[in-house]
Amino acid sequence: MNLIGTKWKPLILFHLLEGDLRSGILQKKIPEISNKMFTQTVRDLEKDGLISRKVFPVVPPKVEYSLTNRGKSLEDILRSLDKWGLEDCQN
């Protein structure tokens, strides 16, 4: 729970289950998150080995995030949380 037990980490990880995403696209999928919190959260996830960050040498800078194997190992848990949340909202 220490690795994914914050408000934003599961959301970022869940969206990365779709595949690699550019930083701006990933952040737009979570409109409630501030720039500061997004940056802090992806840095924490990267430090914990759950996501990887790839920087492309282009102008303007392009950054892409993807799940590591460790992050992918959380897929069943993340999908279960999503399913539970959808069912809970209907009750």
C-alpha atoms as a PDB file:
ATOM      1  CA  MET A   1       0.000   0.000   0.000  1.00  0.00           C
ATOM      2  CA  ASN A   2       2.951   2.331   0.527  1.00  0.00           C
ATOM      3  CA  LEU A   3       3.658   2.179  -3.212  1.00  0.00           C
ATOM      4  CA  ILE A   4       0.152   2.920  -4.506  1.00  0.00           C
ATOM      5  CA  GLY A   5      -1.732   4.166  -1.455  1.00  0.00           C
ATOM      6  CA  THR A   6      -2.182   7.806  -2.452  1.00  0.00           C
ATOM      7  CA  LYS A   7      -4.996   9.574  -4.245  1.00  0.00           C
ATOM      8  CA  TRP A   8      -3.253   9.890  -7.619  1.00  0.00           C
ATOM      9  CA  LYS A   9      -0.906   6.935  -7.991  1.00  0.00           C
ATOM     10  CA  PRO A  10      -3.567   4.315  -8.808  1.00  0.00           C
ATOM     11  CA  LEU A  11      -5.132   6.645 -11.399  1.00  0.00           C
ATOM     12  CA  ILE A  12      -1.845   7.253 -13.183  1.00  0.00           C
ATOM     13  CA  LEU A  13      -0.997   3.548 -13.130  1.00  0.00           C
ATOM     14  CA  PHE A  14      -4.478   2.619 -14.367  1.00  0.00           C
ATOM     15  CA  HIS A  15      -4.227   4.960 -17.361  1.00  0.00           C
ATOM     16  CA  LEU A  16      -0.815   3.539 -18.231  1.00  0.00           C
ATOM     17  CA  LEU A  17      -2.398   0.087 -18.539  1.00  0.00           C
ATOM     18  CA  GLU A  18      -3.557   1.374 -21.968  1.00  0.00           C
ATOM     19  CA  GLY A  19       0.077   1.652 -23.025  1.00  0.00           C
ATOM     20  CA  ASP A  20       2.790   4.291 -23.166  1.00  0.00           C
ATOM     21  CA  LEU A  21       1.499   7.849 -22.849  1.00  0.00           C
ATOM     22  CA  ARG A  22       3.030  11.243 -23.365  1.00  0.00           C
ATOM     23  CA  SER A  23       3.175  13.373 -20.257  1.00  0.00           C
ATOM     24  CA  GLY A  24       0.574  15.901 -21.424  1.00  0.00           C
ATOM     25  CA  ILE A  25      -1.899  13.247 -22.530  1.00  0.00           C
ATOM     26  CA  LEU A  26      -1.531  11.349 -19.268  1.00  0.00           C
ATOM     27  CA  GLN A  27      -2.083  14.494 -17.245  1.00  0.00           C
ATOM     28  CA  LYS A  28      -5.189  15.420 -19.297  1.00  0.00           C
ATOM     29  CA  LYS A  29      -6.733  12.059 -18.407  1.00  0.00           C
ATOM     30  CA  ILE A  30      -6.731  13.245 -14.771  1.00  0.00           C
ATOM     31  CA  PRO A  31      -8.004  16.834 -15.032  1.00  0.00           C
ATOM     32  CA  GLU A  32      -8.257  17.309 -11.254  1.00  0.00           C
ATOM     33  CA  ILE A  33      -4.510  16.854 -10.665  1.00  0.00           C
ATOM     34  CA  SER A  34      -2.287  19.934 -10.444  1.00  0.00           C
ATOM     35  CA  ASN A  35       0.974  20.188 -12.388  1.00  0.00           C
ATOM     36  CA  LYS A  36       2.951  20.053  -9.151  1.00  0.00           C
ATOM     37  CA  MET A  37       1.145  16.970  -7.859  1.00  0.00           C
ATOM     38  CA  PHE A  38       1.401  15.228 -11.243  1.00  0.00           C
ATOM     39  CA  THR A  39       5.150  15.807 -11.371  1.00  0.00           C
ATOM     40  CA  GLN A  40       5.624  14.674  -7.772  1.00  0.00           C
ATOM     41  CA  THR A  41       3.516  11.554  -8.288  1.00  0.00           C
ATOM     42  CA  VAL A  42       5.209  10.368 -11.492  1.00  0.00           C
ATOM     43  CA  ARG A  43       8.607  10.965  -9.871  1.00  0.00           C
ATOM     44  CA  ASP A  44       7.573   8.834  -6.889  1.00  0.00           C
ATOM     45  CA  LEU A  45       6.262   6.081  -9.176  1.00  0.00           C
ATOM     46  CA  GLU A  46       9.479   6.164 -11.179  1.00  0.00           C
ATOM     47  CA  LYS A  47      11.612   6.071  -8.008  1.00  0.00           C
ATOM     48  CA  ASP A  48       9.621   3.050  -6.807  1.00  0.00           C
ATOM     49  CA  GLY A  49      10.220   1.252 -10.105  1.00  0.00           C
ATOM     50  CA  LEU A  50       6.559   1.156 -11.167  1.00  0.00           C
ATOM     51  CA  ILE A  51       6.863   3.404 -14.230  1.00  0.00           C
ATOM     52  CA  SER A  52       9.645   4.436 -16.552  1.00  0.00           C
ATOM     53  CA  ARG A  53      10.201   7.828 -18.099  1.00  0.00           C
ATOM     54  CA  LYS A  54      11.616   8.276 -21.573  1.00  0.00           C
ATOM     55  CA  VAL A  55      12.749  11.708 -22.746  1.00  0.00           C
ATOM     56  CA  PHE A  56      12.997  12.280 -26.493  1.00  0.00           C
ATOM     57  CA  PRO A  57      15.644  14.757 -27.712  1.00  0.00           C
ATOM     58  CA  VAL A  58      13.260  16.994 -29.646  1.00  0.00           C
ATOM     59  CA  VAL A  59      12.027  20.573 -29.398  1.00  0.00           C
ATOM     60  CA  PRO A  60       9.659  21.023 -27.658  1.00  0.00           C
ATOM     61  CA  PRO A  61      10.672  18.280 -25.215  1.00  0.00           C
ATOM     62  CA  LYS A  62       8.677  15.069 -25.408  1.00  0.00           C
ATOM     63  CA  VAL A  63       8.370  12.848 -22.330  1.00  0.00           C
ATOM     64  CA  GLU A  64       6.646   9.485 -22.371  1.00  0.00           C
ATOM     65  CA  TYR A  65       5.709   7.281 -19.436  1.00  0.00           C
ATOM     66  CA  SER A  66       5.186   3.532 -19.423  1.00  0.00           C
ATOM     67  CA  LEU A  67       4.651   0.790 -16.884  1.00  0.00           C
ATOM     68  CA  THR A  68       7.640  -1.298 -15.891  1.00  0.00           C
ATOM     69  CA  ASN A  69       7.252  -5.033 -15.345  1.00  0.00           C
ATOM     70  CA  ARG A  70       6.790  -4.255 -11.666  1.00  0.00           C
ATOM     71  CA  GLY A  71       4.034  -1.772 -12.536  1.00  0.00           C
ATOM     72  CA  LYS A  72       2.383  -4.248 -14.903  1.00  0.00           C
ATOM     73  CA  SER A  73       2.235  -6.757 -12.058  1.00  0.00           C
ATOM     74  CA  LEU A  74      -0.385  -4.472 -10.452  1.00  0.00           C
ATOM     75  CA  GLU A  75      -2.817  -4.794 -13.364  1.00  0.00           C
ATOM     76  CA  ASP A  76      -5.207  -7.249 -11.678  1.00  0.00           C
ATOM     77  CA  ILE A  77      -5.303  -5.124  -8.525  1.00  0.00           C
ATOM     78  CA  LEU A  78      -5.917  -1.898 -10.473  1.00  0.00           C
ATOM     79  CA  ARG A  79      -8.658  -3.450 -12.600  1.00  0.00           C
ATOM     80  CA  SER A  80     -10.306  -4.884  -9.470  1.00  0.00           C
ATOM     81  CA  LEU A  81     -10.263  -1.439  -7.843  1.00  0.00           C
ATOM     82  CA  ASP A  82     -11.800   0.068 -10.986  1.00  0.00           C
ATOM     83  CA  LYS A  83     -14.525  -2.589 -11.087  1.00  0.00           C
ATOM     84  CA  TRP A  84     -15.299  -2.106  -7.404  1.00  0.00           C
ATOM     85  CA  GLY A  85     -15.495   1.670  -7.861  1.00  0.00           C
ATOM     86  CA  LEU A  86     -17.892   1.370 -10.796  1.00  0.00           C
ATOM     87  CA  GLU A  87     -20.134  -1.024  -8.873  1.00  0.00           C
ATOM     88  CA  ASP A  88     -20.015   1.102  -5.720  1.00  0.00           C
ATOM     89  CA  CYS A  89     -21.125   4.209  -7.644  1.00  0.00           C
ATOM     90  CA  GLN A  90     -24.190   2.370  -8.900  1.00  0.00           C
ATOM     91  CA  ASN A  91     -25.358   1.491  -5.388  1.00  0.00           C
END
